[in-house]
Amino acid sequence: MPAVLKNALDVASRPFGKNVWNNKPGAVISNSTGAIGGFGANHHLRQSLTFLNIPTMQQPEIYLGQLKPDVFDENGYFNNEKTTSFIQNFVDAYVKWYEQLTK
């Protein structure tokens, strides 16, 4: 887990009893230049979120592997419709999951 992310989680969960993350819904997407798309980092983060009482969407999961800088266009958007659609499906699932949590 990157130090900056660990520090953000730690600082916002202190002092004891004042965890600002408490019961805030979350989701995890990982990416990597390697083939397995940050699988280990994804699950390590999920463990930390559980400890902080952040309900985390379990399905679908996204591990974006072998991402290269040229996957983005000059405006920062994915230049591959398949990737865009894949992530949009994840976001749609998150919205639906979140709405079920808040009923």
C-alpha atoms as a PDB file:
ATOM      1  CA  MET A   1       0.000   0.000   0.000  1.00  0.00           C
ATOM      2  CA  PRO A   2       1.458   3.393  -0.897  1.00  0.00           C
ATOM      3  CA  ALA A   3       2.572   5.374   2.146  1.00  0.00           C
ATOM      4  CA  VAL A   4       0.408   8.372   1.228  1.00  0.00           C
ATOM      5  CA  LEU A   5      -2.729   6.185   1.204  1.00  0.00           C
ATOM      6  CA  LYS A   6      -1.801   4.487   4.486  1.00  0.00           C
ATOM      7  CA  ASN A   7      -1.194   7.879   6.082  1.00  0.00           C
ATOM      8  CA  ALA A   8      -4.549   9.230   4.846  1.00  0.00           C
ATOM      9  CA  LEU A   9      -6.373   6.230   6.305  1.00  0.00           C
ATOM     10  CA  ASP A  10      -4.457   6.436   9.592  1.00  0.00           C
ATOM     11  CA  VAL A  11      -4.756  10.188  10.147  1.00  0.00           C
ATOM     12  CA  ALA A  12      -8.492  10.306   9.361  1.00  0.00           C
ATOM     13  CA  SER A  13      -9.190   7.433  11.762  1.00  0.00           C
ATOM     14  CA  ARG A  14      -7.649   9.251  14.754  1.00  0.00           C
ATOM     15  CA  PRO A  15      -8.077   9.996  17.574  1.00  0.00           C
ATOM     16  CA  PHE A  16      -9.695   6.806  18.820  1.00  0.00           C
ATOM     17  CA  GLY A  17     -13.471   7.062  18.546  1.00  0.00           C
ATOM     18  CA  LYS A  18     -13.333   9.839  15.918  1.00  0.00           C
ATOM     19  CA  ASN A  19     -12.880   7.715  12.774  1.00  0.00           C
ATOM     20  CA  VAL A  20     -14.222   9.853   9.909  1.00  0.00           C
ATOM     21  CA  TRP A  21     -14.251   6.752   7.683  1.00  0.00           C
ATOM     22  CA  ASN A  22     -16.735   4.969   9.958  1.00  0.00           C
ATOM     23  CA  ASN A  23     -19.551   3.393   7.931  1.00  0.00           C
ATOM     24  CA  LYS A  24     -18.703   5.288   4.720  1.00  0.00           C
ATOM     25  CA  PRO A  25     -19.204   2.956   1.726  1.00  0.00           C
ATOM     26  CA  GLY A  26     -16.194   2.191  -0.441  1.00  0.00           C
ATOM     27  CA  ALA A  27     -15.009   0.283  -3.466  1.00  0.00           C
ATOM     28  CA  VAL A  28     -11.559  -0.675  -4.678  1.00  0.00           C
ATOM     29  CA  ILE A  29     -10.103  -0.679  -8.186  1.00  0.00           C
ATOM     30  CA  SER A  30      -6.457  -1.554  -8.584  1.00  0.00           C
ATOM     31  CA  ASN A  31      -4.132  -1.233 -11.531  1.00  0.00           C
ATOM     32  CA  SER A  32      -0.677  -2.385 -12.340  1.00  0.00           C
ATOM     33  CA  THR A  33       1.765  -2.550 -15.195  1.00  0.00           C
ATOM     34  CA  GLY A  34       1.991  -6.264 -14.379  1.00  0.00           C
ATOM     35  CA  ALA A  35      -0.357  -8.998 -15.484  1.00  0.00           C
ATOM     36  CA  ILE A  36      -2.372  -9.452 -12.287  1.00  0.00           C
ATOM     37  CA  GLY A  37      -3.410  -5.826 -11.884  1.00  0.00           C
ATOM     38  CA  GLY A  38      -2.454  -5.171  -8.281  1.00  0.00           C
ATOM     39  CA  PHE A  39      -4.355  -8.157  -6.878  1.00  0.00           C
ATOM     40  CA  GLY A  40      -2.336  -8.278  -3.652  1.00  0.00           C
ATOM     41  CA  ALA A  41      -2.526  -4.529  -3.068  1.00  0.00           C
ATOM     42  CA  ASN A  42      -6.277  -4.618  -3.693  1.00  0.00           C
ATOM     43  CA  HIS A  43      -6.843  -7.251  -1.023  1.00  0.00           C
ATOM     44  CA  HIS A  44      -4.452  -5.619   1.426  1.00  0.00           C
ATOM     45  CA  LEU A  45      -6.419  -2.374   1.119  1.00  0.00           C
ATOM     46  CA  ARG A  46      -9.701  -4.251   1.599  1.00  0.00           C
ATOM     47  CA  GLN A  47      -8.372  -5.652   4.895  1.00  0.00           C
ATOM     48  CA  SER A  48      -7.532  -2.145   6.087  1.00  0.00           C
ATOM     49  CA  LEU A  49     -10.963  -0.842   5.083  1.00  0.00           C
ATOM     50  CA  THR A  50     -12.623  -3.606   7.091  1.00  0.00           C
ATOM     51  CA  PHE A  51     -10.700  -2.547  10.192  1.00  0.00           C
ATOM     52  CA  LEU A  52     -11.825   1.065   9.636  1.00  0.00           C
ATOM     53  CA  ASN A  53     -15.476  -0.062   9.351  1.00  0.00           C
ATOM     54  CA  ILE A  54     -15.788   0.936   5.713  1.00  0.00           C
ATOM     55  CA  PRO A  55     -18.338  -1.339   4.045  1.00  0.00           C
ATOM     56  CA  THR A  56     -16.729  -2.301   0.748  1.00  0.00           C
ATOM     57  CA  MET A  57     -18.524  -3.506  -2.352  1.00  0.00           C
ATOM     58  CA  GLN A  58     -17.484  -7.124  -2.908  1.00  0.00           C
ATOM     59  CA  GLN A  59     -18.603  -7.671  -6.510  1.00  0.00           C
ATOM     60  CA  PRO A  60     -17.728  -6.862  -9.186  1.00  0.00           C
ATOM     61  CA  GLU A  61     -13.987  -6.667  -8.660  1.00  0.00           C
ATOM     62  CA  ILE A  62     -11.629  -4.804 -10.983  1.00  0.00           C
ATOM     63  CA  TYR A  63      -7.940  -5.522 -11.389  1.00  0.00           C
ATOM     64  CA  LEU A  64      -6.612  -3.510 -14.312  1.00  0.00           C
ATOM     65  CA  GLY A  65      -3.461  -5.235 -15.454  1.00  0.00           C
ATOM     66  CA  GLN A  66      -0.760  -4.207 -17.882  1.00  0.00           C
ATOM     67  CA  LEU A  67      -1.836  -0.561 -17.971  1.00  0.00           C
ATOM     68  CA  LYS A  68       0.521   1.655 -19.885  1.00  0.00           C
ATOM     69  CA  PRO A  69       0.511   5.476 -20.013  1.00  0.00           C
ATOM     70  CA  ASP A  70      -0.790   5.390 -23.587  1.00  0.00           C
ATOM     71  CA  VAL A  71      -4.075   3.861 -22.375  1.00  0.00           C
ATOM     72  CA  PHE A  72      -5.239   7.469 -21.877  1.00  0.00           C
ATOM     73  CA  ASP A  73      -5.916  10.089 -24.536  1.00  0.00           C
ATOM     74  CA  GLU A  74      -4.665  13.687 -24.351  1.00  0.00           C
ATOM     75  CA  ASN A  75      -7.649  14.616 -22.122  1.00  0.00           C
ATOM     76  CA  GLY A  76      -7.041  11.835 -19.592  1.00  0.00           C
ATOM     77  CA  TYR A  77      -9.857   9.570 -20.801  1.00  0.00           C
ATOM     78  CA  PHE A  78      -9.424   5.899 -21.613  1.00  0.00           C
ATOM     79  CA  ASN A  79      -8.822   5.555 -25.327  1.00  0.00           C
ATOM     80  CA  ASN A  80     -10.266   2.038 -25.392  1.00  0.00           C
ATOM     81  CA  GLU A  81     -14.058   1.660 -25.391  1.00  0.00           C
ATOM     82  CA  LYS A  82     -13.819  -1.824 -23.859  1.00  0.00           C
ATOM     83  CA  THR A  83     -11.957  -0.451 -20.822  1.00  0.00           C
ATOM     84  CA  THR A  84     -14.339   2.495 -20.521  1.00  0.00           C
ATOM     85  CA  SER A  85     -17.351   0.176 -20.623  1.00  0.00           C
ATOM     86  CA  PHE A  86     -15.741  -2.191 -18.109  1.00  0.00           C
ATOM     87  CA  ILE A  87     -15.200   0.607 -15.603  1.00  0.00           C
ATOM     88  CA  GLN A  88     -18.630   2.126 -16.270  1.00  0.00           C
ATOM     89  CA  ASN A  89     -20.229  -1.226 -15.388  1.00  0.00           C
ATOM     90  CA  PHE A  90     -18.292  -1.175 -12.106  1.00  0.00           C
ATOM     91  CA  VAL A  91     -19.446   2.377 -11.337  1.00  0.00           C
ATOM     92  CA  ASP A  92     -23.058   1.475 -12.155  1.00  0.00           C
ATOM     93  CA  ALA A  93     -22.821  -1.540  -9.814  1.00  0.00           C
ATOM     94  CA  TYR A  94     -21.394   0.697  -7.080  1.00  0.00           C
ATOM     95  CA  VAL A  95     -24.243   3.196  -7.424  1.00  0.00           C
ATOM     96  CA  LYS A  96     -26.810   0.392  -7.214  1.00  0.00           C
ATOM     97  CA  TRP A  97     -25.031  -1.140  -4.201  1.00  0.00           C
ATOM     98  CA  TYR A  98     -24.812   2.256  -2.474  1.00  0.00           C
ATOM     99  CA  GLU A  99     -28.518   2.914  -3.037  1.00  0.00           C
ATOM    100  CA  GLN A 100     -29.352  -0.459  -1.457  1.00  0.00           C
ATOM    101  CA  LEU A 101     -27.218   0.437   1.578  1.00  0.00           C
ATOM    102  CA  THR A 102     -28.964   3.764   2.119  1.00  0.00           C
ATOM    103  CA  LYS A 103     -32.567   2.524   1.897  1.00  0.00           C
END
